[in-house]
Amino acid sequence: MVLEGSKDGILYVNILLKLYLKSLRHNGKLLLNEQTPLSAEMIALLTRHEVGTVERAMRAFMQPGLVVVRENDIYYMPEIEQKTGSGYSYNGNFKEGESL
């Protein structure tokens, strides 16, 4: 993957994976709660990375469309349904023995 081979690429991949998991709760949108969009500073805090690293990663993710910016400056991960299966929706509860 080109992203992984770039400077700070390992960090970017780590951030991307954490963002995919975070976006599951809101159908691909990166939100703190139902109404509050995540900023780069919030993402840095949640992912435990430096703000500058997160800002560079977000720009890198936007180039191939891994992340897009929607209305009200909400980051959106358009491929989340493909990554998890189109019928998957997050409800916060997993049954014993259930796999993703």
PDB file of N, CA and C in Angstrom:
ATOM      1  N   MET A   1       0.838  -1.174   0.000  1.00  0.00           N
ATOM      2  CA  MET A   1       0.000   0.000   0.000  1.00  0.00           C
ATOM      3  C   MET A   1       0.881   1.235   0.000  1.00  0.00           C
ATOM      4  N   VAL A   2       0.569   2.190  -0.821  1.00  0.00           N
ATOM      5  CA  VAL A   2       1.351   3.408  -0.956  1.00  0.00           C
ATOM      6  C   VAL A   2       1.365   4.195   0.347  1.00  0.00           C
ATOM      7  N   LEU A   3       0.252   4.258   1.010  1.00  0.00           N
ATOM      8  CA  LEU A   3       0.134   5.017   2.253  1.00  0.00           C
ATOM      9  C   LEU A   3       1.126   4.522   3.296  1.00  0.00           C
ATOM     10  N   GLU A   4       1.217   3.226   3.458  1.00  0.00           N
ATOM     11  CA  GLU A   4       2.096   2.639   4.470  1.00  0.00           C
ATOM     12  C   GLU A   4       3.562   2.913   4.178  1.00  0.00           C
ATOM     13  N   GLY A   5       3.932   3.019   2.907  1.00  0.00           N
ATOM     14  CA  GLY A   5       5.320   3.233   2.529  1.00  0.00           C
ATOM     15  C   GLY A   5       5.766   4.677   2.596  1.00  0.00           C
ATOM     16  N   SER A   6       4.848   5.593   2.842  1.00  0.00           N
ATOM     17  CA  SER A   6       5.200   7.009   2.893  1.00  0.00           C
ATOM     18  C   SER A   6       5.801   7.364   4.257  1.00  0.00           C
ATOM     19  N   LYS A   7       6.369   8.573   4.329  1.00  0.00           N
ATOM     20  CA  LYS A   7       6.888   9.052   5.613  1.00  0.00           C
ATOM     21  C   LYS A   7       5.722   9.100   6.600  1.00  0.00           C
ATOM     22  N   ASP A   8       5.890   8.562   7.758  1.00  0.00           N
ATOM     23  CA  ASP A   8       4.850   8.454   8.791  1.00  0.00           C
ATOM     24  C   ASP A   8       3.700   7.539   8.361  1.00  0.00           C
ATOM     25  N   GLY A   9       3.922   6.730   7.341  1.00  0.00           N
ATOM     26  CA  GLY A   9       2.869   5.863   6.821  1.00  0.00           C
ATOM     27  C   GLY A   9       2.323   4.877   7.831  1.00  0.00           C
ATOM     28  N   ILE A  10       3.175   4.325   8.659  1.00  0.00           N
ATOM     29  CA  ILE A  10       2.718   3.383   9.684  1.00  0.00           C
ATOM     30  C   ILE A  10       1.766   4.093  10.642  1.00  0.00           C
ATOM     31  N   LEU A  11       2.095   5.330  11.001  1.00  0.00           N
ATOM     32  CA  LEU A  11       1.213   6.110  11.870  1.00  0.00           C
ATOM     33  C   LEU A  11      -0.123   6.382  11.175  1.00  0.00           C
ATOM     34  N   TYR A  12      -0.058   6.716   9.877  1.00  0.00           N
ATOM     35  CA  TYR A  12      -1.281   7.010   9.122  1.00  0.00           C
ATOM     36  C   TYR A  12      -2.200   5.789   9.070  1.00  0.00           C
ATOM     37  N   VAL A  13      -1.621   4.624   8.847  1.00  0.00           N
ATOM     38  CA  VAL A  13      -2.427   3.399   8.797  1.00  0.00           C
ATOM     39  C   VAL A  13      -3.074   3.140  10.151  1.00  0.00           C
ATOM     40  N   ASN A  14      -2.332   3.367  11.218  1.00  0.00           N
ATOM     41  CA  ASN A  14      -2.877   3.205  12.565  1.00  0.00           C
ATOM     42  C   ASN A  14      -4.052   4.158  12.784  1.00  0.00           C
ATOM     43  N   ILE A  15      -3.887   5.403  12.386  1.00  0.00           N
ATOM     44  CA  ILE A  15      -4.965   6.394  12.505  1.00  0.00           C
ATOM     45  C   ILE A  15      -6.160   5.974  11.669  1.00  0.00           C
ATOM     46  N   LEU A  16      -5.915   5.542  10.441  1.00  0.00           N
ATOM     47  CA  LEU A  16      -7.004   5.138   9.547  1.00  0.00           C
ATOM     48  C   LEU A  16      -7.826   3.996  10.137  1.00  0.00           C
ATOM     49  N   LEU A  17      -7.159   2.999  10.676  1.00  0.00           N
ATOM     50  CA  LEU A  17      -7.875   1.874  11.280  1.00  0.00           C
ATOM     51  C   LEU A  17      -8.714   2.325  12.476  1.00  0.00           C
ATOM     52  N   LYS A  18      -8.165   3.192  13.296  1.00  0.00           N
ATOM     53  CA  LYS A  18      -8.924   3.704  14.438  1.00  0.00           C
ATOM     54  C   LYS A  18     -10.123   4.520  13.978  1.00  0.00           C
ATOM     55  N   LEU A  19      -9.958   5.278  12.883  1.00  0.00           N
ATOM     56  CA  LEU A  19     -11.073   6.070  12.361  1.00  0.00           C
ATOM     57  C   LEU A  19     -12.166   5.176  11.787  1.00  0.00           C
ATOM     58  N   TYR A  20     -11.776   4.093  11.118  1.00  0.00           N
ATOM     59  CA  TYR A  20     -12.785   3.149  10.627  1.00  0.00           C
ATOM     60  C   TYR A  20     -13.619   2.622  11.795  1.00  0.00           C
ATOM     61  N   LEU A  21     -12.955   2.241  12.873  1.00  0.00           N
ATOM     62  CA  LEU A  21     -13.692   1.727  14.032  1.00  0.00           C
ATOM     63  C   LEU A  21     -14.590   2.801  14.640  1.00  0.00           C
ATOM     64  N   LYS A  22     -14.075   4.008  14.767  1.00  0.00           N
ATOM     65  CA  LYS A  22     -14.870   5.102  15.335  1.00  0.00           C
ATOM     66  C   LYS A  22     -16.077   5.419  14.450  1.00  0.00           C
ATOM     67  N   SER A  23     -15.914   5.332  13.139  1.00  0.00           N
ATOM     68  CA  SER A  23     -16.991   5.698  12.217  1.00  0.00           C
ATOM     69  C   SER A  23     -18.125   4.670  12.192  1.00  0.00           C
ATOM     70  N   LEU A  24     -17.893   3.485  12.704  1.00  0.00           N
ATOM     71  CA  LEU A  24     -18.946   2.458  12.714  1.00  0.00           C
ATOM     72  C   LEU A  24     -20.174   2.903  13.496  1.00  0.00           C
ATOM     73  N   ARG A  25     -19.967   3.639  14.559  1.00  0.00           N
ATOM     74  CA  ARG A  25     -21.084   4.064  15.411  1.00  0.00           C
ATOM     75  C   ARG A  25     -22.033   5.036  14.718  1.00  0.00           C
ATOM     76  N   HIS A  26     -21.534   5.728  13.697  1.00  0.00           N
ATOM     77  CA  HIS A  26     -22.338   6.772  13.060  1.00  0.00           C
ATOM     78  C   HIS A  26     -22.404   6.597  11.552  1.00  0.00           C
ATOM     79  N   ASN A  27     -22.452   5.349  11.102  1.00  0.00           N
ATOM     80  CA  ASN A  27     -22.614   5.039   9.671  1.00  0.00           C
ATOM     81  C   ASN A  27     -21.613   5.761   8.777  1.00  0.00           C
ATOM     82  N   GLY A  28     -20.362   5.760   9.178  1.00  0.00           N
ATOM     83  CA  GLY A  28     -19.305   6.341   8.374  1.00  0.00           C
ATOM     84  C   GLY A  28     -18.926   7.760   8.753  1.00  0.00           C
ATOM     85  N   LYS A  29     -19.755   8.433   9.528  1.00  0.00           N
ATOM     86  CA  LYS A  29     -19.442   9.796   9.947  1.00  0.00           C
ATOM     87  C   LYS A  29     -18.540   9.758  11.175  1.00  0.00           C
ATOM     88  N   LEU A  30     -17.594  10.688  11.217  1.00  0.00           N
ATOM     89  CA  LEU A  30     -16.694  10.790  12.363  1.00  0.00           C
ATOM     90  C   LEU A  30     -17.243  11.845  13.311  1.00  0.00           C
ATOM     91  N   LEU A  31     -18.003  11.365  14.296  1.00  0.00           N
ATOM     92  CA  LEU A  31     -18.675  12.229  15.253  1.00  0.00           C
ATOM     93  C   LEU A  31     -18.286  11.859  16.674  1.00  0.00           C
ATOM     94  N   LEU A  32     -18.221  12.853  17.543  1.00  0.00           N
ATOM     95  CA  LEU A  32     -17.988  12.605  18.958  1.00  0.00           C
ATOM     96  C   LEU A  32     -19.260  12.074  19.604  1.00  0.00           C
ATOM     97  N   ASN A  33     -20.377  12.685  19.238  1.00  0.00           N
ATOM     98  CA  ASN A  33     -21.698  12.232  19.668  1.00  0.00           C
ATOM     99  C   ASN A  33     -22.630  12.421  18.470  1.00  0.00           C
ATOM    100  N   GLU A  34     -23.892  12.387  18.647  1.00  0.00           N
ATOM    101  CA  GLU A  34     -24.825  12.468  17.518  1.00  0.00           C
ATOM    102  C   GLU A  34     -24.723  13.765  16.724  1.00  0.00           C
ATOM    103  N   GLN A  35     -24.179  14.822  17.314  1.00  0.00           N
ATOM    104  CA  GLN A  35     -24.186  16.120  16.638  1.00  0.00           C
ATOM    105  C   GLN A  35     -22.823  16.780  16.508  1.00  0.00           C
ATOM    106  N   THR A  36     -21.821  16.318  17.221  1.00  0.00           N
ATOM    107  CA  THR A  36     -20.532  17.002  17.259  1.00  0.00           C
ATOM    108  C   THR A  36     -19.513  16.328  16.347  1.00  0.00           C
ATOM    109  N   PRO A  37     -19.132  17.016  15.253  1.00  0.00           N
ATOM    110  CA  PRO A  37     -18.115  16.433  14.367  1.00  0.00           C
ATOM    111  C   PRO A  37     -16.745  16.423  15.040  1.00  0.00           C
ATOM    112  N   LEU A  38     -15.970  15.415  14.728  1.00  0.00           N
ATOM    113  CA  LEU A  38     -14.610  15.330  15.256  1.00  0.00           C
ATOM    114  C   LEU A  38     -13.701  16.293  14.500  1.00  0.00           C
ATOM    115  N   SER A  39     -12.918  17.060  15.232  1.00  0.00           N
ATOM    116  CA  SER A  39     -11.901  17.926  14.645  1.00  0.00           C
ATOM    117  C   SER A  39     -10.578  17.164  14.644  1.00  0.00           C
ATOM    118  N   ALA A  40      -9.580  17.736  13.998  1.00  0.00           N
ATOM    119  CA  ALA A  40      -8.253  17.106  14.007  1.00  0.00           C
ATOM    120  C   ALA A  40      -7.721  16.992  15.429  1.00  0.00           C
ATOM    121  N   GLU A  41      -8.006  17.991  16.253  1.00  0.00           N
ATOM    122  CA  GLU A  41      -7.546  17.959  17.640  1.00  0.00           C
ATOM    123  C   GLU A  41      -8.217  16.828  18.415  1.00  0.00           C
ATOM    124  N   MET A  42      -9.521  16.645  18.197  1.00  0.00           N
ATOM    125  CA  MET A  42     -10.237  15.557  18.866  1.00  0.00           C
ATOM    126  C   MET A  42      -9.740  14.200  18.395  1.00  0.00           C
ATOM    127  N   ILE A  43      -9.505  14.087  17.090  1.00  0.00           N
ATOM    128  CA  ILE A  43      -9.004  12.829  16.534  1.00  0.00           C
ATOM    129  C   ILE A  43      -7.629  12.520  17.126  1.00  0.00           C
ATOM    130  N   ALA A  44      -6.794  13.534  17.257  1.00  0.00           N
ATOM    131  CA  ALA A  44      -5.465  13.341  17.854  1.00  0.00           C
ATOM    132  C   ALA A  44      -5.588  12.816  19.282  1.00  0.00           C
ATOM    133  N   LEU A  45      -6.491  13.383  20.036  1.00  0.00           N
ATOM    134  CA  LEU A  45      -6.692  12.938  21.415  1.00  0.00           C
ATOM    135  C   LEU A  45      -7.191  11.492  21.460  1.00  0.00           C
ATOM    136  N   LEU A  46      -8.160  11.167  20.612  1.00  0.00           N
ATOM    137  CA  LEU A  46      -8.735   9.820  20.600  1.00  0.00           C
ATOM    138  C   LEU A  46      -7.763   8.756  20.094  1.00  0.00           C
ATOM    139  N   THR A  47      -6.916   9.130  19.131  1.00  0.00           N
ATOM    140  CA  THR A  47      -5.997   8.156  18.537  1.00  0.00           C
ATOM    141  C   THR A  47      -4.623   8.153  19.193  1.00  0.00           C
ATOM    142  N   ARG A  48      -4.394   9.125  20.084  1.00  0.00           N
ATOM    143  CA  ARG A  48      -3.113   9.257  20.784  1.00  0.00           C
ATOM    144  C   ARG A  48      -1.958   9.540  19.826  1.00  0.00           C
ATOM    145  N   HIS A  49      -2.226  10.421  18.864  1.00  0.00           N
ATOM    146  CA  HIS A  49      -1.205  10.875  17.922  1.00  0.00           C
ATOM    147  C   HIS A  49      -1.126  12.394  17.999  1.00  0.00           C
ATOM    148  N   GLU A  50      -0.040  12.956  17.504  1.00  0.00           N
ATOM    149  CA  GLU A  50       0.138  14.401  17.487  1.00  0.00           C
ATOM    150  C   GLU A  50      -0.852  15.040  16.505  1.00  0.00           C
ATOM    151  N   VAL A  51      -1.286  16.255  16.809  1.00  0.00           N
ATOM    152  CA  VAL A  51      -2.253  16.960  15.961  1.00  0.00           C
ATOM    153  C   VAL A  51      -1.710  17.130  14.539  1.00  0.00           C
ATOM    154  N   GLY A  52      -0.446  17.511  14.410  1.00  0.00           N
ATOM    155  CA  GLY A  52       0.157  17.677  13.086  1.00  0.00           C
ATOM    156  C   GLY A  52       0.151  16.389  12.280  1.00  0.00           C
ATOM    157  N   THR A  53       0.422  15.282  12.945  1.00  0.00           N
ATOM    158  CA  THR A  53       0.390  13.975  12.273  1.00  0.00           C
ATOM    159  C   THR A  53      -1.017  13.665  11.791  1.00  0.00           C
ATOM    160  N   VAL A  54      -2.005  13.942  12.626  1.00  0.00           N
ATOM    161  CA  VAL A  54      -3.401  13.693  12.247  1.00  0.00           C
ATOM    162  C   VAL A  54      -3.798  14.588  11.078  1.00  0.00           C
ATOM    163  N   GLU A  55      -3.413  15.852  11.105  1.00  0.00           N
ATOM    164  CA  GLU A  55      -3.752  16.761  10.008  1.00  0.00           C
ATOM    165  C   GLU A  55      -3.144  16.284   8.695  1.00  0.00           C
ATOM    166  N   ARG A  56      -1.881  15.861   8.724  1.00  0.00           N
ATOM    167  CA  ARG A  56      -1.240  15.342   7.510  1.00  0.00           C
ATOM    168  C   ARG A  56      -1.906  14.047   7.054  1.00  0.00           C
ATOM    169  N   ALA A  57      -2.254  13.197   8.015  1.00  0.00           N
ATOM    170  CA  ALA A  57      -2.920  11.932   7.680  1.00  0.00           C
ATOM    171  C   ALA A  57      -4.275  12.196   7.030  1.00  0.00           C
ATOM    172  N   MET A  58      -5.037  13.131   7.566  1.00  0.00           N
ATOM    173  CA  MET A  58      -6.356  13.428   7.002  1.00  0.00           C
ATOM    174  C   MET A  58      -6.231  13.940   5.576  1.00  0.00           C
ATOM    175  N   ARG A  59      -5.234  14.783   5.308  1.00  0.00           N
ATOM    176  CA  ARG A  59      -5.006  15.248   3.931  1.00  0.00           C
ATOM    177  C   ARG A  59      -4.644  14.074   3.025  1.00  0.00           C
ATOM    178  N   ALA A  60      -3.809  13.162   3.543  1.00  0.00           N
ATOM    179  CA  ALA A  60      -3.427  11.981   2.760  1.00  0.00           C
ATOM    180  C   ALA A  60      -4.636  11.082   2.503  1.00  0.00           C
ATOM    181  N   PHE A  61      -5.543  10.964   3.469  1.00  0.00           N
ATOM    182  CA  PHE A  61      -6.735  10.125   3.313  1.00  0.00           C
ATOM    183  C   PHE A  61      -7.724  10.740   2.325  1.00  0.00           C
ATOM    184  N   MET A  62      -7.748  12.060   2.236  1.00  0.00           N
ATOM    185  CA  MET A  62      -8.696  12.732   1.342  1.00  0.00           C
ATOM    186  C   MET A  62      -8.291  12.595  -0.128  1.00  0.00           C
ATOM    187  N   GLN A  63      -7.004  12.501  -0.408  1.00  0.00           N
ATOM    188  CA  GLN A  63      -6.550  12.425  -1.797  1.00  0.00           C
ATOM    189  C   GLN A  63      -7.168  11.243  -2.542  1.00  0.00           C
ATOM    190  N   PRO A  64      -7.115  10.010  -2.014  1.00  0.00           N
ATOM    191  CA  PRO A  64      -7.740   8.893  -2.732  1.00  0.00           C
ATOM    192  C   PRO A  64      -9.217   8.685  -2.365  1.00  0.00           C
ATOM    193  N   GLY A  65      -9.772   9.561  -1.514  1.00  0.00           N
ATOM    194  CA  GLY A  65     -11.179   9.445  -1.146  1.00  0.00           C
ATOM    195  C   GLY A  65     -11.479   8.511   0.004  1.00  0.00           C
ATOM    196  N   LEU A  66     -10.467   8.179   0.807  1.00  0.00           N
ATOM    197  CA  LEU A  66     -10.712   7.352   1.991  1.00  0.00           C
ATOM    198  C   LEU A  66     -11.528   8.115   3.022  1.00  0.00           C
ATOM    199  N   VAL A  67     -11.342   9.421   3.051  1.00  0.00           N
ATOM    200  CA  VAL A  67     -12.104  10.327   3.911  1.00  0.00           C
ATOM    201  C   VAL A  67     -12.555  11.488   3.044  1.00  0.00           C
ATOM    202  N   VAL A  68     -13.803  11.897   3.198  1.00  0.00           N
ATOM    203  CA  VAL A  68     -14.315  13.087   2.519  1.00  0.00           C
ATOM    204  C   VAL A  68     -14.922  14.012   3.573  1.00  0.00           C
ATOM    205  N   VAL A  69     -15.016  15.283   3.229  1.00  0.00           N
ATOM    206  CA  VAL A  69     -15.643  16.245   4.132  1.00  0.00           C
ATOM    207  C   VAL A  69     -17.039  16.521   3.610  1.00  0.00           C
ATOM    208  N   ARG A  70     -18.009  16.345   4.468  1.00  0.00           N
ATOM    209  CA  ARG A  70     -19.410  16.584   4.116  1.00  0.00           C
ATOM    210  C   ARG A  70     -19.894  17.874   4.754  1.00  0.00           C
ATOM    211  N   GLU A  71     -21.201  18.097   4.664  1.00  0.00           N
ATOM    212  CA  GLU A  71     -21.798  19.302   5.240  1.00  0.00           C
ATOM    213  C   GLU A  71     -21.409  19.471   6.706  1.00  0.00           C
ATOM    214  N   ASN A  72     -21.336  20.715   7.123  1.00  0.00           N
ATOM    215  CA  ASN A  72     -20.998  21.063   8.507  1.00  0.00           C
ATOM    216  C   ASN A  72     -19.624  20.559   8.934  1.00  0.00           C
ATOM    217  N   ASP A  73     -18.710  20.414   7.969  1.00  0.00           N
ATOM    218  CA  ASP A  73     -17.335  19.976   8.247  1.00  0.00           C
ATOM    219  C   ASP A  73     -17.258  18.614   8.923  1.00  0.00           C
ATOM    220  N   ILE A  74     -18.155  17.727   8.571  1.00  0.00           N
ATOM    221  CA  ILE A  74     -18.143  16.362   9.117  1.00  0.00           C
ATOM    222  C   ILE A  74     -17.287  15.482   8.214  1.00  0.00           C
ATOM    223  N   TYR A  75     -16.292  14.847   8.812  1.00  0.00           N
ATOM    224  CA  TYR A  75     -15.501  13.864   8.071  1.00  0.00           C
ATOM    225  C   TYR A  75     -16.355  12.616   7.894  1.00  0.00           C
ATOM    226  N   TYR A  76     -16.275  12.032   6.704  1.00  0.00           N
ATOM    227  CA  TYR A  76     -17.059  10.841   6.387  1.00  0.00           C
ATOM    228  C   TYR A  76     -16.147   9.819   5.721  1.00  0.00           C
ATOM    229  N   MET A  77     -16.317   8.560   6.087  1.00  0.00           N
ATOM    230  CA  MET A  77     -15.533   7.463   5.524  1.00  0.00           C
ATOM    231  C   MET A  77     -16.455   6.665   4.597  1.00  0.00           C
ATOM    232  N   PRO A  78     -16.440   6.985   3.297  1.00  0.00           N
ATOM    233  CA  PRO A  78     -17.429   6.421   2.374  1.00  0.00           C
ATOM    234  C   PRO A  78     -17.346   4.919   2.164  1.00  0.00           C
ATOM    235  N   GLU A  79     -16.223   4.309   2.420  1.00  0.00           N
ATOM    236  CA  GLU A  79     -16.071   2.880   2.149  1.00  0.00           C
ATOM    237  C   GLU A  79     -16.343   1.992   3.354  1.00  0.00           C
ATOM    238  N   ILE A  80     -16.860   2.549   4.431  1.00  0.00           N
ATOM    239  CA  ILE A  80     -17.010   1.762   5.660  1.00  0.00           C
ATOM    240  C   ILE A  80     -17.938   0.570   5.459  1.00  0.00           C
ATOM    241  N   GLU A  81     -19.001   0.719   4.686  1.00  0.00           N
ATOM    242  CA  GLU A  81     -19.906  -0.409   4.474  1.00  0.00           C
ATOM    243  C   GLU A  81     -19.215  -1.523   3.698  1.00  0.00           C
ATOM    244  N   GLN A  82     -18.367  -1.161   2.743  1.00  0.00           N
ATOM    245  CA  GLN A  82     -17.629  -2.179   1.990  1.00  0.00           C
ATOM    246  C   GLN A  82     -16.617  -2.895   2.876  1.00  0.00           C
ATOM    247  N   LYS A  83     -16.023  -2.177   3.800  1.00  0.00           N
ATOM    248  CA  LYS A  83     -15.015  -2.768   4.682  1.00  0.00           C
ATOM    249  C   LYS A  83     -15.629  -3.724   5.701  1.00  0.00           C
ATOM    250  N   THR A  84     -16.880  -3.464   6.093  1.00  0.00           N
ATOM    251  CA  THR A  84     -17.497  -4.264   7.145  1.00  0.00           C
ATOM    252  C   THR A  84     -18.618  -5.159   6.639  1.00  0.00           C
ATOM    253  N   GLY A  85     -19.049  -4.955   5.411  1.00  0.00           N
ATOM    254  CA  GLY A  85     -20.208  -5.675   4.893  1.00  0.00           C
ATOM    255  C   GLY A  85     -21.399  -4.741   4.892  1.00  0.00           C
ATOM    256  N   SER A  86     -22.115  -4.669   3.811  1.00  0.00           N
ATOM    257  CA  SER A  86     -23.171  -3.669   3.661  1.00  0.00           C
ATOM    258  C   SER A  86     -24.315  -3.850   4.646  1.00  0.00           C
ATOM    259  N   GLY A  87     -24.486  -5.029   5.220  1.00  0.00           N
ATOM    260  CA  GLY A  87     -25.579  -5.246   6.149  1.00  0.00           C
ATOM    261  C   GLY A  87     -25.220  -4.995   7.594  1.00  0.00           C
ATOM    262  N   TYR A  88     -23.995  -4.601   7.864  1.00  0.00           N
ATOM    263  CA  TYR A  88     -23.541  -4.419   9.239  1.00  0.00           C
ATOM    264  C   TYR A  88     -23.957  -3.053   9.752  1.00  0.00           C
ATOM    265  N   SER A  89     -24.480  -3.016  10.943  1.00  0.00           N
ATOM    266  CA  SER A  89     -24.716  -1.733  11.605  1.00  0.00           C
ATOM    267  C   SER A  89     -24.305  -1.885  13.059  1.00  0.00           C
ATOM    268  N   TYR A  90     -23.757  -0.846  13.612  1.00  0.00           N
ATOM    269  CA  TYR A  90     -23.234  -0.891  14.969  1.00  0.00           C
ATOM    270  C   TYR A  90     -24.346  -0.555  15.956  1.00  0.00           C
ATOM    271  N   ASN A  91     -24.516  -1.414  16.939  1.00  0.00           N
ATOM    272  CA  ASN A  91     -25.477  -1.101  17.995  1.00  0.00           C
ATOM    273  C   ASN A  91     -24.832  -1.138  19.378  1.00  0.00           C
ATOM    274  N   GLY A  92     -23.519  -1.391  19.399  1.00  0.00           N
ATOM    275  CA  GLY A  92     -22.820  -1.383  20.677  1.00  0.00           C
ATOM    276  C   GLY A  92     -22.858  -2.700  21.419  1.00  0.00           C
ATOM    277  N   ASN A  93     -23.643  -3.661  20.968  1.00  0.00           N
ATOM    278  CA  ASN A  93     -23.755  -4.950  21.646  1.00  0.00           C
ATOM    279  C   ASN A  93     -23.342  -6.067  20.704  1.00  0.00           C
ATOM    280  N   PHE A  94     -22.500  -6.944  21.182  1.00  0.00           N
ATOM    281  CA  PHE A  94     -22.086  -8.094  20.407  1.00  0.00           C
ATOM    282  C   PHE A  94     -22.512  -9.344  21.143  1.00  0.00           C
ATOM    283  N   LYS A  95     -23.059 -10.274  20.418  1.00  0.00           N
ATOM    284  CA  LYS A  95     -23.458 -11.532  21.023  1.00  0.00           C
ATOM    285  C   LYS A  95     -22.246 -12.438  21.143  1.00  0.00           C
ATOM    286  N   GLU A  96     -22.212 -13.272  22.144  1.00  0.00           N
ATOM    287  CA  GLU A  96     -21.117 -14.210  22.332  1.00  0.00           C
ATOM    288  C   GLU A  96     -21.000 -15.108  21.117  1.00  0.00           C
ATOM    289  N   GLY A  97     -19.789 -15.249  20.615  1.00  0.00           N
ATOM    290  CA  GLY A  97     -19.556 -16.095  19.452  1.00  0.00           C
ATOM    291  C   GLY A  97     -19.792 -15.395  18.131  1.00  0.00           C
ATOM    292  N   GLU A  98     -20.266 -14.142  18.161  1.00  0.00           N
ATOM    293  CA  GLU A  98     -20.514 -13.400  16.934  1.00  0.00           C
ATOM    294  C   GLU A  98     -19.196 -12.865  16.405  1.00  0.00           C
ATOM    295  N   SER A  99     -19.024 -12.910  15.109  1.00  0.00           N
ATOM    296  CA  SER A  99     -17.803 -12.376  14.512  1.00  0.00           C
ATOM    297  C   SER A  99     -18.178 -11.265  13.557  1.00  0.00           C
ATOM    298  N   LEU A 100     -17.176 -10.420  13.298  1.00  0.00           N
ATOM    299  CA  LEU A 100     -17.396  -9.309  12.375  1.00  0.00           C
ATOM    300  C   LEU A 100     -17.075  -9.710  10.963  1.00  0.00           C
TER     301      LEU A 100
END
